[in-house]
Amino acid sequence: MARIAGINIPPQQHAEIGLTAIFGIGRARARDYTFPGGVDVPELRQPRAPELKLITRKAIKPSEAEVVENPRSRSAQLRVMEKI
């Protein structure tokens, strides 16, 4: 199975486009429902099979040692998903 890892980088950093913008990959594909329009209203949710499985529930942040060694890493967050 393919695993997908993405790093959230704030807009003030050099890379402004993340995996969601480039490939359309993100949390929306990991949900087991879809909704019409741009607003998630619980009453309008329609069930569907998720395309991705979240491997890390929370974002993985750099350790203190890594931040000391590389101060620019302090704002990075790693998320890992697996394609089903």
C-alpha atoms as a PDB file:
ATOM      1  CA  MET A   1       0.000   0.000   0.000  1.00  0.00           C
ATOM      2  CA  ALA A   2       1.165   3.501  -0.757  1.00  0.00           C
ATOM      3  CA  ARG A   3       1.887   5.822   2.150  1.00  0.00           C
ATOM      4  CA  ILE A   4       1.654   9.552   1.778  1.00  0.00           C
ATOM      5  CA  ALA A   5       3.498  11.974   4.045  1.00  0.00           C
ATOM      6  CA  GLY A   6       2.999  15.708   4.001  1.00  0.00           C
ATOM      7  CA  ILE A   7       4.554  18.556   5.927  1.00  0.00           C
ATOM      8  CA  ASN A   8       2.517  21.630   6.834  1.00  0.00           C
ATOM      9  CA  ILE A   9       4.586  24.703   6.107  1.00  0.00           C
ATOM     10  CA  PRO A  10       3.248  28.125   7.106  1.00  0.00           C
ATOM     11  CA  PRO A  11       2.787  30.659   4.272  1.00  0.00           C
ATOM     12  CA  GLN A  12       5.652  32.856   5.496  1.00  0.00           C
ATOM     13  CA  GLN A  13       8.083  30.017   4.728  1.00  0.00           C
ATOM     14  CA  HIS A  14       9.450  29.402   1.203  1.00  0.00           C
ATOM     15  CA  ALA A  15       7.108  26.568   0.155  1.00  0.00           C
ATOM     16  CA  GLU A  16       3.571  27.933  -0.018  1.00  0.00           C
ATOM     17  CA  ILE A  17       1.845  25.004  -1.722  1.00  0.00           C
ATOM     18  CA  GLY A  18       1.240  21.751   0.134  1.00  0.00           C
ATOM     19  CA  LEU A  19       0.074  18.291  -0.886  1.00  0.00           C
ATOM     20  CA  THR A  20      -3.563  19.337  -0.718  1.00  0.00           C
ATOM     21  CA  ALA A  21      -3.140  22.085  -3.280  1.00  0.00           C
ATOM     22  CA  ILE A  22      -0.906  20.064  -5.612  1.00  0.00           C
ATOM     23  CA  PHE A  23      -2.473  16.599  -5.578  1.00  0.00           C
ATOM     24  CA  GLY A  24      -5.855  17.118  -3.903  1.00  0.00           C
ATOM     25  CA  ILE A  25      -4.760  14.857  -1.045  1.00  0.00           C
ATOM     26  CA  GLY A  26      -5.865  15.656   2.467  1.00  0.00           C
ATOM     27  CA  ARG A  27      -8.158  14.991   5.372  1.00  0.00           C
ATOM     28  CA  ALA A  28     -11.272  15.255   3.201  1.00  0.00           C
ATOM     29  CA  ARG A  29     -10.316  12.005   1.451  1.00  0.00           C
ATOM     30  CA  ALA A  30      -9.837  10.259   4.800  1.00  0.00           C
ATOM     31  CA  ARG A  31     -13.419  11.011   5.906  1.00  0.00           C
ATOM     32  CA  ASP A  32     -16.102   8.353   5.623  1.00  0.00           C
ATOM     33  CA  TYR A  33     -18.636  10.899   4.385  1.00  0.00           C
ATOM     34  CA  THR A  34     -19.014  13.713   1.868  1.00  0.00           C
ATOM     35  CA  PHE A  35     -21.180  16.815   1.884  1.00  0.00           C
ATOM     36  CA  PRO A  36     -22.599  19.061  -0.839  1.00  0.00           C
ATOM     37  CA  GLY A  37     -21.447  22.668  -1.015  1.00  0.00           C
ATOM     38  CA  GLY A  38     -18.572  24.194   0.866  1.00  0.00           C
ATOM     39  CA  VAL A  39     -19.943  23.899   4.411  1.00  0.00           C
ATOM     40  CA  ASP A  40     -19.949  20.671   6.464  1.00  0.00           C
ATOM     41  CA  VAL A  41     -23.489  20.412   7.853  1.00  0.00           C
ATOM     42  CA  PRO A  42     -24.018  17.136   9.800  1.00  0.00           C
ATOM     43  CA  GLU A  43     -27.602  16.761   8.532  1.00  0.00           C
ATOM     44  CA  LEU A  44     -26.438  16.852   4.874  1.00  0.00           C
ATOM     45  CA  ARG A  45     -23.587  14.329   5.172  1.00  0.00           C
ATOM     46  CA  GLN A  46     -23.652  11.429   2.717  1.00  0.00           C
ATOM     47  CA  PRO A  47     -21.758   8.202   3.566  1.00  0.00           C
ATOM     48  CA  ARG A  48     -18.925   6.985   1.332  1.00  0.00           C
ATOM     49  CA  ALA A  49     -15.865   4.781   1.603  1.00  0.00           C
ATOM     50  CA  PRO A  50     -12.714   6.681   2.653  1.00  0.00           C
ATOM     51  CA  GLU A  51      -9.826   6.738   0.168  1.00  0.00           C
ATOM     52  CA  LEU A  52      -7.124   7.302   2.787  1.00  0.00           C
ATOM     53  CA  LYS A  53      -6.438   5.990   6.271  1.00  0.00           C
ATOM     54  CA  LEU A  54      -4.813   8.351   8.780  1.00  0.00           C
ATOM     55  CA  ILE A  55      -1.649   6.736  10.173  1.00  0.00           C
ATOM     56  CA  THR A  56      -0.789   9.524  12.602  1.00  0.00           C
ATOM     57  CA  ARG A  57      -3.761  10.871  14.533  1.00  0.00           C
ATOM     58  CA  LYS A  58      -1.933  14.062  15.475  1.00  0.00           C
ATOM     59  CA  ALA A  59       0.732  15.977  13.612  1.00  0.00           C
ATOM     60  CA  ILE A  60       4.316  14.973  14.431  1.00  0.00           C
ATOM     61  CA  LYS A  61       6.327  18.014  15.485  1.00  0.00           C
ATOM     62  CA  PRO A  62      10.125  18.323  15.554  1.00  0.00           C
ATOM     63  CA  SER A  63      11.944  17.451  18.770  1.00  0.00           C
ATOM     64  CA  GLU A  64      13.727  20.072  20.878  1.00  0.00           C
ATOM     65  CA  ALA A  65      17.087  18.734  19.662  1.00  0.00           C
ATOM     66  CA  GLU A  66      16.043  19.160  16.032  1.00  0.00           C
ATOM     67  CA  VAL A  67      14.799  22.704  16.646  1.00  0.00           C
ATOM     68  CA  VAL A  68      18.141  23.606  18.279  1.00  0.00           C
ATOM     69  CA  GLU A  69      20.013  22.133  15.305  1.00  0.00           C
ATOM     70  CA  ASN A  70      17.630  23.591  12.683  1.00  0.00           C
ATOM     71  CA  PRO A  71      15.556  26.554  13.987  1.00  0.00           C
ATOM     72  CA  ARG A  72      13.504  26.748  10.761  1.00  0.00           C
ATOM     73  CA  SER A  73      11.976  23.335  11.565  1.00  0.00           C
ATOM     74  CA  ARG A  74      10.092  24.661  14.615  1.00  0.00           C
ATOM     75  CA  SER A  75       6.906  25.340  12.617  1.00  0.00           C
ATOM     76  CA  ALA A  76       6.882  22.109  10.558  1.00  0.00           C
ATOM     77  CA  GLN A  77       4.244  19.435  11.212  1.00  0.00           C
ATOM     78  CA  LEU A  78       4.313  15.955   9.642  1.00  0.00           C
ATOM     79  CA  ARG A  79       1.111  14.024   8.851  1.00  0.00           C
ATOM     80  CA  VAL A  80       1.083  10.494   7.414  1.00  0.00           C
ATOM     81  CA  MET A  81      -1.756   8.777   5.516  1.00  0.00           C
ATOM     82  CA  GLU A  82      -2.033   5.440   3.735  1.00  0.00           C
ATOM     83  CA  LYS A  83      -3.901   4.956   0.460  1.00  0.00           C
ATOM     84  CA  ILE A  84      -6.578   2.258   0.811  1.00  0.00           C
END
